[in-house]
Amino acid sequence: MPRSGKPRYEAFVGQAMLCVHLDGIAMNIAFDGVGAFWRLIRHFIG
């Protein structure tokens, strides 16, 4: 039983790590976009 359960567990962990990694990349891109947008607004406001 553990023999068949372990690979599935490792695959689940790997998938979760990948999702967290991709979420981190998306968050970085979003923050960069917000930062650029904010600089643009500040540039036009004053």
Foldseek 3Di string as FASTA:
>chain_A
DVVVVVVVVVVVVVVVVVVVVVVVVVVVVVVVVVVVVVVVVVVVVD
